[in-house]
N, C-alpha and C. Protein backbone atom coordinates (compact mmCIF):
# COMPACT_ATOMS: atom_id res chain seq x y z
N MET A 1 0.82 -1.20 0.00
CA MET A 1 0.00 0.00 0.00
C MET A 1 0.87 1.27 0.00
N PRO A 2 1.83 1.38 -0.91
CA PRO A 2 2.67 2.58 -0.94
C PRO A 2 1.88 3.87 -1.13
N ALA A 3 0.81 3.82 -1.93
CA ALA A 3 0.04 5.04 -2.18
C ALA A 3 -0.64 5.52 -0.90
N ALA A 4 -1.22 4.60 -0.14
CA ALA A 4 -1.87 4.99 1.11
C ALA A 4 -0.86 5.57 2.09
N ALA A 5 0.33 4.96 2.13
CA ALA A 5 1.37 5.48 3.01
C ALA A 5 1.79 6.88 2.58
N GLY A 6 1.84 7.11 1.28
CA GLY A 6 2.24 8.42 0.76
C GLY A 6 1.26 9.51 1.16
N PHE A 7 -0.02 9.20 1.10
CA PHE A 7 -1.02 10.21 1.44
C PHE A 7 -1.10 10.48 2.94
N SER A 8 -0.53 9.61 3.76
CA SER A 8 -0.53 9.84 5.20
C SER A 8 0.76 10.51 5.69
N PHE A 9 1.69 10.75 4.79
CA PHE A 9 2.99 11.29 5.18
C PHE A 9 2.87 12.66 5.86
N GLY A 10 1.95 13.49 5.42
CA GLY A 10 1.79 14.82 6.00
C GLY A 10 1.47 14.80 7.48
N LEU A 11 0.81 13.74 7.92
CA LEU A 11 0.53 13.62 9.35
C LEU A 11 1.81 13.44 10.15
N TRP A 12 2.76 12.69 9.59
CA TRP A 12 4.04 12.49 10.27
C TRP A 12 4.85 13.79 10.30
N SER A 13 4.77 14.56 9.23
CA SER A 13 5.54 15.81 9.20
C SER A 13 5.02 16.80 10.23
N MET A 14 3.74 16.70 10.57
CA MET A 14 3.16 17.62 11.55
C MET A 14 3.77 17.45 12.93
N ALA A 15 4.31 16.28 13.23
CA ALA A 15 4.93 16.04 14.53
C ALA A 15 6.12 16.97 14.76
N ALA A 16 6.78 17.37 13.71
CA ALA A 16 7.90 18.31 13.83
C ALA A 16 7.48 19.74 13.54
N LEU A 17 6.53 19.92 12.62
CA LEU A 17 6.16 21.27 12.21
C LEU A 17 5.35 22.03 13.26
N ILE A 18 4.46 21.35 13.95
CA ILE A 18 3.64 22.04 14.95
C ILE A 18 4.49 22.59 16.10
N PRO A 19 5.40 21.80 16.69
CA PRO A 19 6.24 22.39 17.75
C PRO A 19 7.07 23.57 17.25
N LEU A 20 7.58 23.48 16.03
CA LEU A 20 8.36 24.59 15.48
C LEU A 20 7.49 25.84 15.33
N ALA A 21 6.30 25.66 14.81
CA ALA A 21 5.42 26.81 14.58
C ALA A 21 4.87 27.40 15.88
N VAL A 22 4.63 26.56 16.87
CA VAL A 22 4.06 27.04 18.13
C VAL A 22 5.13 27.66 19.02
N LEU A 23 6.21 26.93 19.25
CA LEU A 23 7.23 27.38 20.20
C LEU A 23 8.26 28.32 19.57
N GLN A 24 8.45 28.22 18.25
CA GLN A 24 9.36 29.09 17.52
C GLN A 24 10.76 29.11 18.13
N ARG A 25 11.27 27.90 18.35
CA ARG A 25 12.61 27.73 18.91
C ARG A 25 13.31 26.61 18.16
N GLY A 26 14.61 26.75 17.98
CA GLY A 26 15.39 25.71 17.34
C GLY A 26 15.41 24.45 18.18
N GLY A 27 15.35 23.31 17.55
CA GLY A 27 15.39 22.03 18.24
C GLY A 27 14.03 21.46 18.57
N THR A 28 12.99 22.27 18.55
CA THR A 28 11.67 21.76 18.91
C THR A 28 11.12 20.81 17.86
N GLY A 29 11.54 20.96 16.61
CA GLY A 29 11.11 20.03 15.58
C GLY A 29 11.68 18.64 15.80
N VAL A 30 12.93 18.59 16.21
CA VAL A 30 13.57 17.29 16.50
C VAL A 30 12.89 16.64 17.69
N ILE A 31 12.63 17.41 18.74
CA ILE A 31 11.99 16.87 19.94
C ILE A 31 10.60 16.35 19.61
N GLY A 32 9.83 17.11 18.84
CA GLY A 32 8.49 16.66 18.45
C GLY A 32 8.51 15.40 17.62
N ALA A 33 9.45 15.32 16.68
CA ALA A 33 9.55 14.14 15.83
C ALA A 33 9.96 12.91 16.64
N VAL A 34 10.90 13.08 17.55
CA VAL A 34 11.34 11.95 18.38
C VAL A 34 10.21 11.50 19.30
N ALA A 35 9.43 12.45 19.80
CA ALA A 35 8.28 12.08 20.64
C ALA A 35 7.30 11.23 19.84
N ALA A 36 7.08 11.58 18.59
CA ALA A 36 6.21 10.76 17.73
C ALA A 36 6.85 9.40 17.49
N GLY A 37 8.16 9.34 17.41
CA GLY A 37 8.85 8.08 17.23
C GLY A 37 8.72 7.17 18.43
N VAL A 38 8.67 7.74 19.62
CA VAL A 38 8.52 6.93 20.84
C VAL A 38 7.21 6.16 20.78
N VAL A 39 6.18 6.79 20.26
CA VAL A 39 4.88 6.15 20.17
C VAL A 39 4.92 4.95 19.23
N THR A 40 5.76 5.01 18.20
CA THR A 40 5.79 3.95 17.20
C THR A 40 6.94 2.97 17.40
N MET A 41 7.57 2.98 18.55
CA MET A 41 8.68 2.05 18.79
C MET A 41 8.24 0.60 18.79
N VAL A 42 6.96 0.34 18.89
CA VAL A 42 6.47 -1.04 18.87
C VAL A 42 6.44 -1.59 17.44
N SER A 43 6.78 -0.76 16.47
CA SER A 43 6.82 -1.21 15.07
C SER A 43 8.00 -2.15 14.87
N PRO A 44 8.06 -2.83 13.73
CA PRO A 44 9.19 -3.74 13.48
C PRO A 44 10.55 -3.04 13.50
N ALA A 45 10.58 -1.73 13.26
CA ALA A 45 11.86 -1.01 13.26
C ALA A 45 12.42 -0.85 14.66
N GLY A 46 11.55 -0.91 15.68
CA GLY A 46 11.99 -0.79 17.06
C GLY A 46 12.65 0.55 17.35
N PRO A 47 13.72 0.55 18.16
CA PRO A 47 14.38 1.80 18.54
C PRO A 47 14.99 2.56 17.36
N LEU A 48 15.21 1.87 16.25
CA LEU A 48 15.75 2.56 15.07
C LEU A 48 14.81 3.65 14.59
N ILE A 49 13.53 3.53 14.90
CA ILE A 49 12.55 4.54 14.50
C ILE A 49 12.89 5.89 15.15
N LEU A 50 13.48 5.86 16.35
CA LEU A 50 13.86 7.11 17.03
C LEU A 50 14.94 7.85 16.25
N VAL A 51 15.90 7.09 15.73
CA VAL A 51 16.97 7.70 14.94
C VAL A 51 16.40 8.29 13.66
N MET A 52 15.51 7.52 13.01
CA MET A 52 14.90 7.99 11.77
C MET A 52 14.07 9.26 12.01
N MET A 53 13.29 9.27 13.07
CA MET A 53 12.45 10.43 13.36
C MET A 53 13.31 11.64 13.76
N ALA A 54 14.40 11.42 14.47
CA ALA A 54 15.31 12.53 14.79
C ALA A 54 15.90 13.11 13.51
N PHE A 55 16.23 12.24 12.56
CA PHE A 55 16.75 12.68 11.26
C PHE A 55 15.71 13.50 10.52
N PHE A 56 14.46 13.02 10.47
CA PHE A 56 13.39 13.77 9.82
C PHE A 56 13.13 15.09 10.53
N GLY A 57 13.20 15.10 11.85
CA GLY A 57 13.02 16.34 12.59
C GLY A 57 14.10 17.36 12.28
N ALA A 58 15.34 16.88 12.18
CA ALA A 58 16.45 17.77 11.84
C ALA A 58 16.29 18.31 10.42
N LEU A 59 15.86 17.48 9.50
CA LEU A 59 15.64 17.95 8.13
C LEU A 59 14.49 18.95 8.06
N THR A 60 13.50 18.75 8.91
CA THR A 60 12.38 19.69 8.95
C THR A 60 12.86 21.07 9.40
N GLU A 61 13.86 21.09 10.24
CA GLU A 61 14.34 22.36 10.77
C GLU A 61 15.25 23.12 9.80
N LEU A 62 15.70 22.48 8.73
CA LEU A 62 16.63 23.14 7.81
C LEU A 62 16.15 24.49 7.28
N PRO A 63 14.91 24.62 6.77
CA PRO A 63 14.48 25.95 6.30
C PRO A 63 14.49 27.01 7.42
N PHE A 64 14.21 26.58 8.63
CA PHE A 64 14.23 27.51 9.76
C PHE A 64 15.66 27.87 10.13
N LEU A 65 16.56 26.89 10.03
CA LEU A 65 17.97 27.14 10.30
C LEU A 65 18.54 28.11 9.27
N ILE A 66 18.16 27.93 8.01
CA ILE A 66 18.63 28.83 6.95
C ILE A 66 18.23 30.27 7.25
N THR A 67 17.03 30.45 7.80
CA THR A 67 16.58 31.81 8.18
C THR A 67 17.07 32.20 9.57
N ARG A 68 17.94 31.37 10.14
CA ARG A 68 18.48 31.57 11.49
C ARG A 68 17.36 31.68 12.53
N TYR A 69 16.34 30.86 12.33
CA TYR A 69 15.19 30.77 13.24
C TYR A 69 14.53 32.13 13.45
N ARG A 70 14.43 32.92 12.40
CA ARG A 70 13.76 34.22 12.50
C ARG A 70 12.36 34.20 11.91
N TRP A 71 12.11 33.35 10.93
CA TRP A 71 10.81 33.32 10.24
C TRP A 71 10.14 31.98 10.45
N PHE A 72 8.95 32.04 11.04
CA PHE A 72 8.18 30.83 11.31
C PHE A 72 6.81 30.90 10.65
N GLY A 73 6.72 31.69 9.62
CA GLY A 73 5.43 31.89 8.94
C GLY A 73 5.08 30.76 7.99
N PRO A 74 3.98 30.95 7.27
CA PRO A 74 3.49 29.88 6.39
C PRO A 74 4.45 29.55 5.26
N ARG A 75 5.21 30.51 4.77
CA ARG A 75 6.14 30.24 3.68
C ARG A 75 7.26 29.30 4.13
N THR A 76 7.82 29.55 5.30
CA THR A 76 8.89 28.69 5.80
C THR A 76 8.34 27.30 6.11
N LEU A 77 7.14 27.24 6.69
CA LEU A 77 6.52 25.94 6.95
C LEU A 77 6.24 25.20 5.64
N PHE A 78 5.81 25.93 4.61
CA PHE A 78 5.56 25.33 3.31
C PHE A 78 6.83 24.69 2.75
N PHE A 79 7.94 25.42 2.80
CA PHE A 79 9.19 24.88 2.27
C PHE A 79 9.70 23.70 3.11
N ALA A 80 9.47 23.76 4.41
CA ALA A 80 9.86 22.62 5.25
C ALA A 80 9.05 21.38 4.88
N GLY A 81 7.74 21.55 4.72
CA GLY A 81 6.89 20.43 4.32
C GLY A 81 7.22 19.93 2.93
N LEU A 82 7.45 20.84 2.00
CA LEU A 82 7.79 20.46 0.64
C LEU A 82 9.12 19.70 0.59
N GLY A 83 10.09 20.18 1.35
CA GLY A 83 11.38 19.49 1.40
C GLY A 83 11.25 18.08 1.93
N LEU A 84 10.44 17.91 2.96
CA LEU A 84 10.22 16.56 3.50
C LEU A 84 9.48 15.69 2.50
N GLY A 85 8.54 16.28 1.76
CA GLY A 85 7.82 15.52 0.75
C GLY A 85 8.75 15.02 -0.35
N VAL A 86 9.65 15.88 -0.80
CA VAL A 86 10.62 15.49 -1.84
C VAL A 86 11.55 14.40 -1.30
N LEU A 87 12.04 14.58 -0.09
CA LEU A 87 12.92 13.57 0.51
C LEU A 87 12.19 12.24 0.66
N SER A 88 10.97 12.30 1.13
CA SER A 88 10.19 11.08 1.31
C SER A 88 9.94 10.38 -0.02
N CYS A 89 9.68 11.15 -1.06
CA CYS A 89 9.48 10.57 -2.39
C CYS A 89 10.75 9.85 -2.84
N GLY A 90 11.90 10.48 -2.63
CA GLY A 90 13.16 9.84 -3.01
C GLY A 90 13.40 8.56 -2.25
N ILE A 91 13.09 8.56 -0.97
CA ILE A 91 13.26 7.35 -0.16
C ILE A 91 12.29 6.26 -0.61
N SER A 92 11.05 6.65 -0.90
CA SER A 92 10.04 5.68 -1.31
C SER A 92 10.38 5.02 -2.64
N ILE A 93 11.02 5.76 -3.53
CA ILE A 93 11.40 5.18 -4.82
C ILE A 93 12.27 3.95 -4.61
N PHE A 94 13.18 4.03 -3.65
CA PHE A 94 14.06 2.89 -3.38
C PHE A 94 13.44 1.89 -2.42
N THR A 95 12.73 2.36 -1.41
CA THR A 95 12.14 1.47 -0.42
C THR A 95 11.10 0.55 -1.04
N TYR A 96 10.22 1.13 -1.87
CA TYR A 96 9.16 0.34 -2.49
C TYR A 96 9.55 -0.19 -3.87
N ASP A 97 10.78 0.10 -4.33
CA ASP A 97 11.24 -0.29 -5.66
C ASP A 97 10.23 0.17 -6.72
N LEU A 98 9.84 1.43 -6.64
CA LEU A 98 8.83 1.97 -7.53
C LEU A 98 9.19 1.91 -9.02
N PRO A 99 10.47 2.04 -9.40
CA PRO A 99 10.76 1.95 -10.84
C PRO A 99 10.38 0.60 -11.47
N SER A 100 10.30 -0.45 -10.67
CA SER A 100 9.93 -1.75 -11.22
C SER A 100 8.41 -1.89 -11.36
N MET A 101 7.66 -0.94 -10.83
CA MET A 101 6.21 -1.00 -10.89
C MET A 101 5.71 -0.10 -12.02
N GLN A 102 4.41 -0.01 -12.16
CA GLN A 102 3.83 0.83 -13.20
C GLN A 102 4.18 2.29 -12.94
N PRO A 103 4.42 3.07 -14.01
CA PRO A 103 4.77 4.49 -13.83
C PRO A 103 3.70 5.29 -13.10
N GLY A 104 2.47 4.90 -13.28
CA GLY A 104 1.38 5.60 -12.59
C GLY A 104 1.50 5.51 -11.09
N LEU A 105 2.02 4.39 -10.60
CA LEU A 105 2.18 4.23 -9.16
C LEU A 105 3.24 5.18 -8.62
N LEU A 106 4.31 5.36 -9.37
CA LEU A 106 5.35 6.32 -8.98
C LEU A 106 4.76 7.72 -8.85
N VAL A 107 3.97 8.12 -9.83
CA VAL A 107 3.34 9.44 -9.82
C VAL A 107 2.36 9.54 -8.65
N LEU A 108 1.59 8.49 -8.43
CA LEU A 108 0.61 8.50 -7.34
C LEU A 108 1.29 8.59 -5.97
N VAL A 109 2.33 7.80 -5.76
CA VAL A 109 3.01 7.80 -4.46
C VAL A 109 3.70 9.14 -4.22
N CYS A 110 4.52 9.58 -5.18
CA CYS A 110 5.26 10.83 -4.99
C CYS A 110 4.32 12.04 -4.96
N GLY A 111 3.32 12.05 -5.82
CA GLY A 111 2.35 13.14 -5.80
C GLY A 111 1.59 13.18 -4.49
N GLY A 112 1.22 12.00 -3.99
CA GLY A 112 0.52 11.92 -2.71
C GLY A 112 1.38 12.42 -1.56
N GLN A 113 2.66 12.08 -1.59
CA GLN A 113 3.56 12.52 -0.52
C GLN A 113 3.76 14.04 -0.57
N LEU A 114 3.92 14.59 -1.76
CA LEU A 114 4.09 16.04 -1.87
C LEU A 114 2.82 16.77 -1.43
N LEU A 115 1.69 16.32 -1.91
CA LEU A 115 0.41 16.94 -1.54
C LEU A 115 0.16 16.81 -0.05
N SER A 116 0.42 15.65 0.49
CA SER A 116 0.22 15.41 1.91
C SER A 116 1.16 16.26 2.77
N ALA A 117 2.41 16.39 2.35
CA ALA A 117 3.37 17.18 3.12
C ALA A 117 3.00 18.66 3.12
N VAL A 118 2.58 19.17 1.98
CA VAL A 118 2.17 20.58 1.90
C VAL A 118 0.89 20.80 2.71
N THR A 119 -0.03 19.84 2.64
CA THR A 119 -1.25 19.94 3.45
C THR A 119 -0.91 19.89 4.93
N GLY A 120 0.02 19.02 5.31
CA GLY A 120 0.45 18.94 6.71
C GLY A 120 1.07 20.23 7.19
N SER A 121 1.85 20.90 6.34
CA SER A 121 2.45 22.17 6.75
C SER A 121 1.39 23.26 6.88
N THR A 122 0.40 23.24 6.00
CA THR A 122 -0.69 24.22 6.09
C THR A 122 -1.51 24.00 7.35
N LEU A 123 -1.82 22.75 7.65
CA LEU A 123 -2.56 22.44 8.88
C LEU A 123 -1.74 22.78 10.12
N SER A 124 -0.45 22.54 10.06
CA SER A 124 0.43 22.87 11.19
C SER A 124 0.39 24.36 11.48
N TYR A 125 0.43 25.17 10.43
CA TYR A 125 0.37 26.62 10.61
C TYR A 125 -0.97 27.03 11.21
N ALA A 126 -2.05 26.45 10.72
CA ALA A 126 -3.38 26.78 11.24
C ALA A 126 -3.51 26.38 12.70
N ILE A 127 -3.01 25.21 13.05
CA ILE A 127 -3.07 24.75 14.45
C ILE A 127 -2.21 25.65 15.34
N ALA A 128 -1.03 26.01 14.87
CA ALA A 128 -0.14 26.88 15.65
C ALA A 128 -0.78 28.24 15.90
N ARG A 129 -1.42 28.79 14.88
CA ARG A 129 -2.10 30.09 15.05
C ARG A 129 -3.21 29.98 16.09
N ALA A 130 -3.98 28.90 16.01
CA ALA A 130 -5.07 28.71 16.97
C ALA A 130 -4.53 28.55 18.39
N LEU A 131 -3.45 27.82 18.53
CA LEU A 131 -2.85 27.64 19.86
C LEU A 131 -2.30 28.95 20.40
N ARG A 132 -1.66 29.74 19.55
CA ARG A 132 -1.14 31.04 20.01
C ARG A 132 -2.27 31.99 20.40
N ARG A 133 -3.38 31.95 19.66
CA ARG A 133 -4.54 32.78 20.04
C ARG A 133 -5.08 32.35 21.40
N ALA A 134 -4.94 31.06 21.72
CA ALA A 134 -5.40 30.55 23.01
C ALA A 134 -4.39 30.80 24.12
N GLY A 135 -3.26 31.41 23.78
CA GLY A 135 -2.25 31.74 24.79
C GLY A 135 -1.17 30.68 24.95
N ILE A 136 -1.13 29.72 24.05
CA ILE A 136 -0.13 28.66 24.12
C ILE A 136 0.93 28.93 23.07
N GLY A 137 2.19 28.92 23.49
CA GLY A 137 3.26 29.08 22.52
C GLY A 137 3.98 30.40 22.67
N SER A 138 4.76 30.69 21.65
CA SER A 138 5.65 31.84 21.69
C SER A 138 4.99 33.08 21.12
N SER A 139 5.19 34.18 21.81
CA SER A 139 4.77 35.46 21.25
C SER A 139 5.99 36.18 20.68
N ARG A 140 7.15 35.51 20.74
CA ARG A 140 8.43 36.03 20.24
C ARG A 140 8.88 37.27 21.00
N ARG A 141 8.31 37.52 22.18
CA ARG A 141 8.76 38.62 23.02
C ARG A 141 9.62 38.05 24.11
N ARG A 142 10.76 38.65 24.31
CA ARG A 142 11.65 38.23 25.39
C ARG A 142 11.27 38.99 26.65
N THR A 143 11.21 38.27 27.75
CA THR A 143 10.94 38.94 29.01
C THR A 143 12.22 38.94 29.84
N THR A 144 12.38 39.96 30.62
CA THR A 144 13.56 40.06 31.48
C THR A 144 13.11 39.97 32.92
N GLY A 145 14.06 39.72 33.78
CA GLY A 145 13.74 39.63 35.20
C GLY A 145 13.35 38.23 35.58
N VAL A 146 12.65 38.11 36.70
CA VAL A 146 12.27 36.82 37.24
C VAL A 146 11.18 36.26 36.50
């Protein structure tokens, strides 16, 4: 079911994107992704899933790192999601041996992953905005004193 897995990829990307968008701090994407990995440690991959999720979390943070963690808006989230979608498509080509299958499946899997990742980044931004309106997360104001 590579196509079904591709369309669910955006949900996995949200584990790193939401903490980044809400807390607006470096490293929160890695922590969020690893936390999602802890939940799935019962999978056949076992503890290796933590390493993989930490890697995906670090890759999610690249667009934010490039901006030196100054911009956490929808554009940066979009590029983070898109980058993960492209990476995931590349991994899926080899993992599922997509070139040996029908060309339509390659388009369906990669297209689904890209669409899902962009949708996940859009939803992450919407959720982060709602959480900040509720008083949860970063207002990007530094406070001094106690």
